[in-house]
């Protein structure tokens, strides 16, 4: 009897920890899945060409999602649409339902952006046309940028922008570690975000994803300001040990903070506790070399799905 009561208490506490801290709040998360797609890879010390992400790694990713239970989950390094549907179906079998699944393909033919959501987006915009001057030519933001709008219970919208900026790998001798390209990508994304928020009278927004750069970098500064305009600020996030890294580069044994959220000034006061959470459950790095980051917003969603329009795509 005592054992059963302890197990029940543990279940209740676990659910409480996984739920948003404010009643009627929304939990948003960002998670780089580390190649949830077909690629050449070593599996069990055997080289496998064009092989999907191993089932053991997928199971760990699902475990992380189930423990965080985000309402809106931004994903990076997702494969083609069938892989997103596979993840959604597997989560549903575990009792975690996401009625809305948005997939975006950019210039990158392999790694895509995606969102799983329990809330109905009122608008979905896939920004595939973000261009910038780079060295002696023009380029497009490699993964593009995904924009989703949601309606609050007070009728006001707030927007979520999902990004995955260029990695540090580069074959350009004139741009070591892709610093210039990543900065230009950030500028292109930021400028479009300003058009879609400030210039449209929508002050509440956040930018989620893998920025692939450190706190004081030129990349991150682009999202903080444009001239005299304050765009947003990075939400501090920590794990259970008060550590702040989200990515582990095994080859060099380097830990870094590259994933997270930038929140507009008007939305910043609504971030519960003023900071986010980095998921650090045991074995999570066996599923991905990135750790999930989530935050809770004291932004009540509509009382029913009827208050929001059907998702629609534009641009």
Protein backbone atom coordinates (compact mmCIF):
# COMPACT_ATOMS: atom_id res chain seq x y z
CA UNK A 1 0.00 0.00 0.00
CA UNK A 2 2.75 2.42 0.97
CA UNK A 3 4.59 1.64 -2.28
CA UNK A 4 1.45 2.31 -4.33
CA UNK A 5 0.84 5.61 -2.53
CA UNK A 6 4.43 6.69 -3.14
CA UNK A 7 4.11 5.87 -6.82
CA UNK A 8 0.85 7.86 -7.04
CA UNK A 9 2.42 10.82 -5.26
CA UNK A 10 5.40 10.69 -7.60
CA UNK A 11 3.08 10.69 -10.61
CA UNK A 12 1.15 13.71 -9.29
CA UNK A 13 4.37 15.63 -8.58
CA UNK A 14 5.73 14.75 -12.00
CA UNK A 15 2.62 16.06 -13.73
CA UNK A 16 2.75 19.22 -11.64
CA UNK A 17 6.37 19.86 -12.64
CA UNK A 18 5.55 19.30 -16.30
CA UNK A 19 2.61 21.73 -16.28
CA UNK A 20 2.88 25.49 -16.87
CA UNK A 21 3.35 27.34 -13.60
CA UNK A 22 0.47 29.80 -14.18
CA UNK A 23 -3.11 28.79 -14.80
CA UNK A 24 -4.02 29.55 -18.40
CA UNK A 25 -0.43 30.09 -19.45
CA UNK A 26 1.23 28.73 -22.57
CA UNK A 27 4.37 26.63 -22.62
CA UNK A 28 6.63 27.09 -25.65
CA UNK A 29 9.70 25.00 -26.39
CA UNK A 30 12.49 24.86 -28.95
CA UNK A 31 14.37 21.66 -29.71
CA UNK A 32 17.05 20.80 -32.27
CA UNK A 33 16.52 17.09 -32.94
CA UNK A 34 19.97 16.42 -34.42
CA UNK A 35 19.20 14.99 -37.84
CA UNK A 36 15.72 13.49 -37.53
CA UNK A 37 16.07 12.44 -41.16
CA UNK A 38 17.78 10.15 -43.64
CA UNK A 39 21.56 10.46 -43.76
CA UNK A 40 24.74 8.41 -43.87
CA UNK A 41 25.58 7.52 -40.26
CA UNK A 42 27.25 5.06 -37.93
CA UNK A 43 24.74 2.84 -36.16
CA UNK A 44 26.11 0.38 -33.66
CA UNK A 45 29.63 0.75 -35.11
CA UNK A 46 28.24 -0.11 -38.57
CA UNK A 47 28.22 2.43 -41.41
CA UNK A 48 24.69 2.85 -42.74
CA UNK A 49 24.10 4.92 -45.89
CA UNK A 50 20.83 6.87 -46.15
CA UNK A 51 19.70 5.61 -42.74
CA UNK A 52 16.95 7.16 -40.55
CA UNK A 53 17.53 8.36 -37.00
CA UNK A 54 17.86 5.25 -34.81
CA UNK A 55 14.75 4.24 -32.86
CA UNK A 56 16.58 4.47 -29.54
CA UNK A 57 17.39 8.14 -30.21
CA UNK A 58 13.80 8.85 -31.27
CA UNK A 59 12.52 7.29 -28.04
CA UNK A 60 14.73 9.61 -25.96
CA UNK A 61 13.50 12.65 -27.89
CA UNK A 62 9.91 11.63 -27.24
CA UNK A 63 10.70 11.17 -23.56
CA UNK A 64 12.07 14.73 -23.37
CA UNK A 65 8.94 16.09 -25.08
CA UNK A 66 6.63 14.09 -22.81
CA UNK A 67 8.33 15.40 -19.69
CA UNK A 68 8.19 19.04 -20.83
CA UNK A 69 4.72 18.84 -22.45
CA UNK A 70 4.99 22.08 -24.44
CA UNK A 71 1.87 23.55 -26.00
CA UNK A 72 3.88 24.87 -28.94
CA UNK A 73 7.06 23.02 -29.93
CA UNK A 74 9.50 24.56 -32.43
CA UNK A 75 11.75 21.98 -34.08
CA UNK A 76 15.00 22.21 -36.01
CA UNK A 77 16.81 19.58 -38.11
CA UNK A 78 13.58 17.86 -39.00
CA UNK A 79 13.56 15.75 -42.13
CA UNK A 80 10.87 15.65 -44.82
CA UNK A 81 7.19 15.95 -43.89
CA UNK A 82 6.72 12.17 -43.28
CA UNK A 83 9.28 12.33 -40.46
CA UNK A 84 7.29 15.06 -38.73
CA UNK A 85 4.11 13.01 -39.09
CA UNK A 86 5.93 9.99 -37.71
CA UNK A 87 6.99 11.93 -34.62
CA UNK A 88 3.48 13.30 -34.14
CA UNK A 89 1.95 9.81 -34.47
CA UNK A 90 4.45 8.26 -32.04
CA UNK A 91 3.75 10.99 -29.49
CA UNK A 92 0.01 10.41 -29.88
CA UNK A 93 0.52 6.74 -29.07
CA UNK A 94 2.14 7.92 -25.84
CA UNK A 95 -0.84 10.14 -25.06
CA UNK A 96 0.61 13.46 -26.23
CA UNK A 97 -1.53 14.90 -29.03
CA UNK A 98 -0.55 17.74 -31.33
CA UNK A 99 -3.47 18.54 -33.65
CA UNK A 100 -1.44 21.04 -35.65
CA UNK A 101 1.75 20.19 -37.52
CA UNK A 102 3.53 22.76 -39.67
CA UNK A 103 6.51 21.86 -41.84
CA UNK A 104 8.73 24.23 -43.78
CA UNK A 105 11.31 23.51 -46.44
CA UNK A 106 13.91 26.18 -47.17
CA UNK A 107 16.95 26.24 -49.44
CA UNK A 108 18.40 23.43 -47.37
CA UNK A 109 17.10 20.26 -49.01
CA UNK A 110 17.81 18.10 -45.97
CA UNK A 111 17.19 19.91 -42.66
CA UNK A 112 13.91 21.73 -42.17
CA UNK A 113 11.96 23.76 -39.63
CA UNK A 114 8.75 22.47 -38.09
CA UNK A 115 6.24 23.16 -35.34
CA UNK A 116 3.92 20.88 -33.40
CA UNK A 117 1.14 22.74 -31.63
CA UNK A 118 -1.81 22.05 -29.37
CA UNK A 119 -3.08 25.56 -30.11
CA UNK A 120 -4.59 26.56 -33.46
CA UNK A 121 -2.44 29.10 -35.28
CA UNK A 122 -4.46 31.88 -36.83
CA UNK A 123 -1.84 32.39 -39.52
CA UNK A 124 1.19 30.53 -40.83
CA UNK A 125 3.76 32.30 -42.98
CA UNK A 126 6.73 30.48 -44.48
CA UNK A 127 9.45 33.03 -45.18
CA UNK A 128 11.45 31.37 -47.94
CA UNK A 129 12.48 34.58 -49.71
CA UNK A 130 14.83 36.13 -47.14
CA UNK A 131 17.85 37.30 -49.12
CA UNK A 132 21.05 39.11 -48.20
CA UNK A 133 24.33 40.24 -49.73
CA UNK A 134 27.11 37.79 -48.94
CA UNK A 135 30.69 38.29 -50.16
CA UNK A 136 30.34 38.83 -53.93
CA UNK A 137 26.80 37.50 -54.33
CA UNK A 138 23.30 37.31 -52.89
CA UNK A 139 22.11 34.34 -50.89
CA UNK A 140 18.92 33.15 -49.22
CA UNK A 141 18.60 32.28 -45.52
CA UNK A 142 19.41 28.59 -45.66
CA UNK A 143 16.48 27.25 -43.61
CA UNK A 144 14.21 30.24 -44.05
CA UNK A 145 12.03 31.39 -41.16
CA UNK A 146 8.69 30.06 -39.97
CA UNK A 147 6.10 32.47 -38.54
CA UNK A 148 3.01 31.48 -36.58
CA UNK A 149 0.37 33.78 -35.11
CA UNK A 150 -1.81 32.86 -32.14
CA UNK A 151 -4.80 34.61 -30.63
CA UNK A 152 -4.91 35.46 -26.93
CA UNK A 153 -8.12 35.33 -24.92
CA UNK A 154 -8.22 39.14 -25.00
CA UNK A 155 -8.34 39.00 -28.79
CA UNK A 156 -4.82 40.31 -29.28
CA UNK A 157 -2.32 38.29 -31.34
CA UNK A 158 1.17 37.20 -30.52
CA UNK A 159 3.66 35.79 -32.97
CA UNK A 160 6.28 33.04 -32.83
CA UNK A 161 9.19 33.10 -35.28
CA UNK A 162 11.26 29.93 -35.67
CA UNK A 163 14.83 30.09 -36.97
CA UNK A 164 17.82 27.82 -37.45
CA UNK A 165 20.76 29.92 -38.53
CA UNK A 166 23.78 28.74 -40.48
CA UNK A 167 26.10 26.37 -38.64
CA UNK A 168 29.75 27.14 -38.04
CA UNK A 169 30.87 24.74 -40.74
CA UNK A 170 32.07 26.56 -43.85
CA UNK A 171 34.03 25.90 -47.02
CA UNK A 172 34.42 29.66 -47.61
CA UNK A 173 38.00 30.66 -46.82
CA UNK A 174 36.87 34.29 -46.63
CA UNK A 175 34.32 33.47 -43.92
CA UNK A 176 35.78 31.21 -41.26
CA UNK A 177 33.08 29.46 -39.20
CA UNK A 178 30.42 31.22 -41.30
CA UNK A 179 30.42 34.23 -38.97
CA UNK A 180 29.57 36.73 -41.71
CA UNK A 181 26.90 34.55 -43.30
CA UNK A 182 25.23 33.86 -39.95
CA UNK A 183 25.19 37.58 -39.14
CA UNK A 184 23.66 38.38 -42.53
CA UNK A 185 21.04 35.67 -42.01
CA UNK A 186 20.20 37.20 -38.62
CA UNK A 187 19.84 40.65 -40.23
CA UNK A 188 17.51 39.33 -42.92
CA UNK A 189 15.35 37.52 -40.36
CA UNK A 190 15.30 40.49 -38.00
CA UNK A 191 14.28 42.93 -40.71
CA UNK A 192 11.39 40.71 -41.75
CA UNK A 193 10.36 40.26 -38.10
CA UNK A 194 10.21 44.05 -37.70
CA UNK A 195 8.00 44.28 -40.79
CA UNK A 196 5.69 41.59 -39.42
CA UNK A 197 5.45 42.98 -35.88
CA UNK A 198 6.24 46.64 -35.17
CA UNK A 199 5.12 47.80 -38.60
CA UNK A 200 1.88 45.81 -38.30
CA UNK A 201 1.09 46.94 -34.75
CA UNK A 202 1.84 43.55 -33.16
CA UNK A 203 4.18 44.20 -30.21
CA UNK A 204 3.96 40.72 -28.64
CA UNK A 205 6.32 38.23 -30.26
CA UNK A 206 9.20 35.89 -29.61
CA UNK A 207 11.95 34.32 -31.70
CA UNK A 208 12.71 30.67 -30.99
CA UNK A 209 15.34 28.33 -32.31
CA UNK A 210 18.97 27.45 -32.82
CA UNK A 211 20.98 30.64 -33.36
CA UNK A 212 24.29 28.78 -33.68
CA UNK A 213 26.18 31.60 -31.97
CA UNK A 214 27.14 32.84 -28.51
CA UNK A 215 25.58 35.56 -26.36
CA UNK A 216 27.79 38.50 -27.31
CA UNK A 217 28.13 37.64 -30.99
CA UNK A 218 27.25 39.93 -33.87
CA UNK A 219 24.56 37.40 -34.77
CA UNK A 220 22.75 37.75 -31.46
CA UNK A 221 23.16 41.53 -31.35
CA UNK A 222 21.20 41.78 -34.59
CA UNK A 223 18.12 40.42 -32.80
CA UNK A 224 18.47 42.82 -29.87
CA UNK A 225 18.38 46.13 -31.75
CA UNK A 226 18.21 47.82 -35.12
CA UNK A 227 19.57 51.30 -34.67
CA UNK A 228 17.47 52.98 -31.98
CA UNK A 229 14.77 50.31 -32.12
CA UNK A 230 14.90 47.73 -29.32
CA UNK A 231 13.78 44.48 -30.93
CA UNK A 232 13.98 42.04 -28.04
CA UNK A 233 16.14 40.39 -25.41
CA UNK A 234 17.38 36.88 -24.79
CA UNK A 235 15.47 35.01 -22.10
CA UNK A 236 17.96 33.53 -19.62
CA UNK A 237 17.50 29.79 -19.16
CA UNK A 238 19.07 27.28 -16.77
CA UNK A 239 18.88 23.58 -16.04
CA UNK A 240 18.37 21.92 -12.63
CA UNK A 241 22.03 22.60 -11.75
CA UNK A 242 21.84 26.28 -12.80
CA UNK A 243 23.98 25.49 -15.87
CA UNK A 244 23.28 27.37 -19.09
CA UNK A 245 24.54 25.27 -21.99
CA UNK A 246 22.23 23.78 -24.64
CA UNK A 247 24.64 22.15 -27.11
CA UNK A 248 27.46 19.65 -26.66
CA UNK A 249 30.06 19.38 -29.44
CA UNK A 250 31.45 15.93 -28.71
CA UNK A 251 34.39 16.15 -31.10
CA UNK A 252 35.96 18.98 -29.10
CA UNK A 253 34.16 18.37 -25.79
CA UNK A 254 32.72 21.90 -25.90
CA UNK A 255 29.50 22.99 -24.20
CA UNK A 256 27.77 26.12 -25.50
CA UNK A 257 24.53 28.09 -25.35
CA UNK A 258 23.08 28.40 -28.85
CA UNK A 259 19.38 27.58 -28.43
CA UNK A 260 16.63 29.61 -26.79
CA UNK A 261 14.22 32.51 -27.04
CA UNK A 262 14.40 36.21 -27.77
CA UNK A 263 11.29 37.98 -26.48
CA UNK A 264 9.92 41.41 -27.36
CA UNK A 265 9.89 44.02 -24.60
CA UNK A 266 6.10 43.98 -24.32
CA UNK A 267 6.03 40.18 -23.90
CA UNK A 268 9.03 39.94 -21.59
CA UNK A 269 7.10 40.68 -18.35
CA UNK A 270 4.84 37.72 -19.14
CA UNK A 271 7.68 35.17 -19.01
CA UNK A 272 7.03 33.15 -15.87
CA UNK A 273 9.82 33.54 -13.29
CA UNK A 274 11.62 35.74 -15.82
CA UNK A 275 13.55 32.84 -17.29
CA UNK A 276 13.30 29.58 -19.19
CA UNK A 277 14.20 25.99 -18.41
CA UNK A 278 16.80 23.77 -20.07
CA UNK A 279 15.76 20.12 -19.98
CA UNK A 280 18.51 17.98 -18.49
CA UNK A 281 16.91 14.60 -17.96
CA UNK A 282 19.32 11.69 -17.75
CA UNK A 283 20.46 10.39 -21.13
CA UNK A 284 18.95 13.23 -23.17
CA UNK A 285 22.22 13.77 -25.07
CA UNK A 286 21.87 10.26 -26.46
CA UNK A 287 18.84 11.49 -28.39
CA UNK A 288 20.26 14.81 -29.57
CA UNK A 289 23.39 16.88 -29.08
CA UNK A 290 21.08 19.81 -28.23
CA UNK A 291 18.93 20.17 -25.13
CA UNK A 292 15.36 21.41 -25.25
CA UNK A 293 14.64 24.89 -23.87
CA UNK A 294 11.16 25.92 -22.78
CA UNK A 295 9.44 28.85 -21.12
CA UNK A 296 5.98 29.58 -19.78
CA UNK A 297 4.10 32.68 -20.87
CA UNK A 298 1.29 34.18 -18.81
CA UNK A 299 -0.66 34.60 -22.04
CA UNK A 300 -4.05 32.87 -21.75
CA UNK A 301 -5.02 31.13 -25.00
CA UNK A 302 -8.55 31.42 -26.44
CA UNK A 303 -11.14 29.60 -24.37
CA UNK A 304 -12.03 27.46 -27.36
CA UNK A 305 -10.66 26.71 -30.79
CA UNK A 306 -13.71 28.49 -32.22
CA UNK A 307 -12.16 31.82 -31.23
CA UNK A 308 -9.32 31.31 -33.70
CA UNK A 309 -9.55 31.03 -37.46
CA UNK A 310 -8.30 28.08 -39.43
CA UNK A 311 -4.56 28.04 -40.19
CA UNK A 312 -3.76 29.60 -43.51
CA UNK A 313 -0.54 30.02 -45.40
CA UNK A 314 0.59 33.13 -47.20
CA UNK A 315 3.68 34.46 -48.89
